[in-house]
Amino acid sequence: QVQLVESGGGVVQAGGSLRLSCAASGRTFSSYDMDWFRQAPGKEREFVARISTGDVSTYYASSVKGRFTISRDNAKNTLYLQMNSLKPEDTAVYYCRARRGGYNYWGQGTQVTVSS
């Protein structure tokens, strides 16, 4: 099992940047595929980005591709999401998720608010 804690959210003006972090407990972080999701008020949680274990390949939702970058530092047990050129529609609670062996583990989320 892994426990996840997100941080780095806040209020930023449109066009600005934020970097989110997701700190994982335990010594097996490198064996988990990791995702970022987000949930805006009144909307369903949606996929944002993915980074795999092993070859560390990445995949992005079309709405964030070219603006967001997902990365991981296995030595620090930390997942990151660099968000650039932020838009008001990026406003949401952002969650990280760890996946392995059919099990999913979620963090508590961090709020990102982009003002116009």
Protein backbone atom coordinates (compact mmCIF):
# COMPACT_ATOMS: atom_id res chain seq x y z
CA GLN A 1 0.00 0.00 0.00
CA VAL A 2 1.12 3.57 -0.65
CA GLN A 3 -0.04 6.86 0.86
CA LEU A 4 -0.05 10.00 -1.26
CA VAL A 5 0.01 13.68 -0.27
CA GLU A 6 -0.39 16.43 -2.86
CA SER A 7 0.88 19.97 -2.46
CA GLY A 8 1.66 23.05 -4.51
CA GLY A 9 -1.83 24.23 -5.35
CA GLY A 10 -2.89 27.85 -5.06
CA VAL A 11 -4.33 30.85 -6.84
CA VAL A 12 -2.65 32.06 -10.02
CA GLN A 13 -3.57 34.43 -12.82
CA ALA A 14 -4.31 33.15 -16.29
CA GLY A 15 -1.09 32.56 -18.19
CA GLY A 16 0.81 31.76 -15.02
CA SER A 17 2.46 28.56 -13.82
CA LEU A 18 2.29 26.19 -10.88
CA ARG A 19 4.11 23.00 -9.99
CA LEU A 20 2.21 20.35 -8.09
CA SER A 21 3.94 17.65 -6.06
CA CYS A 22 2.69 14.29 -4.84
CA ALA A 23 4.78 12.75 -2.08
CA ALA A 24 4.48 8.98 -1.67
CA SER A 25 5.17 6.90 1.41
CA GLY A 26 7.00 3.59 1.37
CA ARG A 27 9.96 2.20 -0.53
CA THR A 28 8.17 0.93 -3.65
CA PHE A 29 7.17 4.19 -5.34
CA SER A 30 9.17 3.30 -8.45
CA SER A 31 6.98 0.24 -9.05
CA TYR A 32 3.75 2.26 -9.42
CA ASP A 33 2.34 3.79 -12.55
CA MET A 34 1.28 7.33 -11.59
CA ASP A 35 -1.51 9.60 -12.80
CA TRP A 36 -2.83 13.09 -12.23
CA PHE A 37 -6.58 13.69 -12.30
CA ARG A 38 -8.65 16.79 -11.64
CA GLN A 39 -12.20 17.57 -10.64
CA ALA A 40 -13.88 20.91 -11.23
CA PRO A 41 -16.99 21.96 -9.28
CA GLY A 42 -20.06 20.16 -10.57
CA LYS A 43 -18.04 17.99 -12.94
CA GLU A 44 -16.74 14.45 -12.92
CA ARG A 45 -13.13 13.68 -12.12
CA GLU A 46 -11.10 13.64 -15.33
CA PHE A 47 -7.75 12.28 -16.38
CA VAL A 48 -4.92 14.79 -16.84
CA ALA A 49 -1.61 12.96 -17.29
CA ARG A 50 0.13 9.62 -16.80
CA ILE A 51 3.69 8.46 -16.31
CA SER A 52 4.57 4.82 -16.32
CA THR A 53 7.10 2.87 -14.35
CA GLY A 54 9.88 1.21 -16.31
CA ASP A 55 10.31 3.19 -19.54
CA VAL A 56 8.74 6.26 -17.87
CA SER A 57 6.56 6.96 -20.88
CA THR A 58 4.04 9.79 -20.56
CA TYR A 59 0.55 10.47 -21.83
CA TYR A 60 -1.62 13.59 -21.62
CA ALA A 61 -5.21 14.63 -22.01
CA SER A 62 -5.62 16.71 -25.14
CA SER A 63 -6.77 19.69 -23.05
CA VAL A 64 -3.38 19.98 -21.32
CA LYS A 65 -0.95 18.58 -23.87
CA GLY A 66 1.82 21.06 -24.62
CA ARG A 67 1.12 23.04 -21.43
CA PHE A 68 1.54 20.46 -18.62
CA THR A 69 4.47 18.15 -17.95
CA ILE A 70 4.34 15.11 -15.69
CA SER A 71 7.56 13.77 -14.18
CA ARG A 72 8.75 11.64 -11.30
CA ASP A 73 11.76 11.44 -9.03
CA ASN A 74 11.92 7.89 -7.72
CA ALA A 75 14.81 8.74 -5.39
CA LYS A 76 12.57 11.29 -3.66
CA ASN A 77 9.36 9.23 -3.93
CA THR A 78 7.71 12.21 -5.58
CA LEU A 79 5.50 12.82 -8.59
CA TYR A 80 5.28 16.27 -10.20
CA LEU A 81 2.99 18.16 -12.52
CA GLN A 82 4.40 21.33 -14.05
CA MET A 83 1.54 23.46 -15.29
CA ASN A 84 2.25 26.36 -17.64
CA SER A 85 0.02 28.76 -19.56
CA LEU A 86 -2.77 28.12 -17.10
CA LYS A 87 -6.35 28.91 -18.10
CA PRO A 88 -9.44 29.56 -15.96
CA GLU A 89 -10.81 26.21 -17.14
CA ASP A 90 -7.87 24.50 -15.41
CA THR A 91 -9.44 25.46 -12.07
CA ALA A 92 -10.07 22.23 -10.14
CA VAL A 93 -8.94 20.03 -7.30
CA TYR A 94 -5.96 18.02 -8.56
CA TYR A 95 -5.41 14.45 -7.37
CA CYS A 96 -2.55 12.03 -7.84
CA ARG A 97 -3.17 8.32 -8.18
CA ALA A 98 -0.85 5.33 -7.87
CA ARG A 99 -1.66 2.12 -9.77
CA ARG A 100 -0.20 -1.35 -9.40
CA GLY A 101 -1.58 -4.85 -9.68
CA GLY A 102 -5.15 -3.73 -10.18
CA TYR A 103 -5.13 -1.52 -7.09
CA ASN A 104 -5.53 2.25 -7.09
CA TYR A 105 -4.48 4.66 -4.35
CA TRP A 106 -5.52 8.31 -4.22
CA GLY A 107 -4.27 11.42 -2.47
CA GLN A 108 -6.53 13.96 -0.81
CA GLY A 109 -6.15 16.57 -3.55
CA THR A 110 -4.86 20.12 -3.85
CA GLN A 111 -6.89 23.10 -5.07
CA VAL A 112 -5.77 25.04 -8.13
CA THR A 113 -7.62 28.26 -8.95
CA VAL A 114 -6.84 30.22 -12.11
CA SER A 115 -8.25 33.75 -12.21
CA SER A 116 -9.02 35.54 -15.46
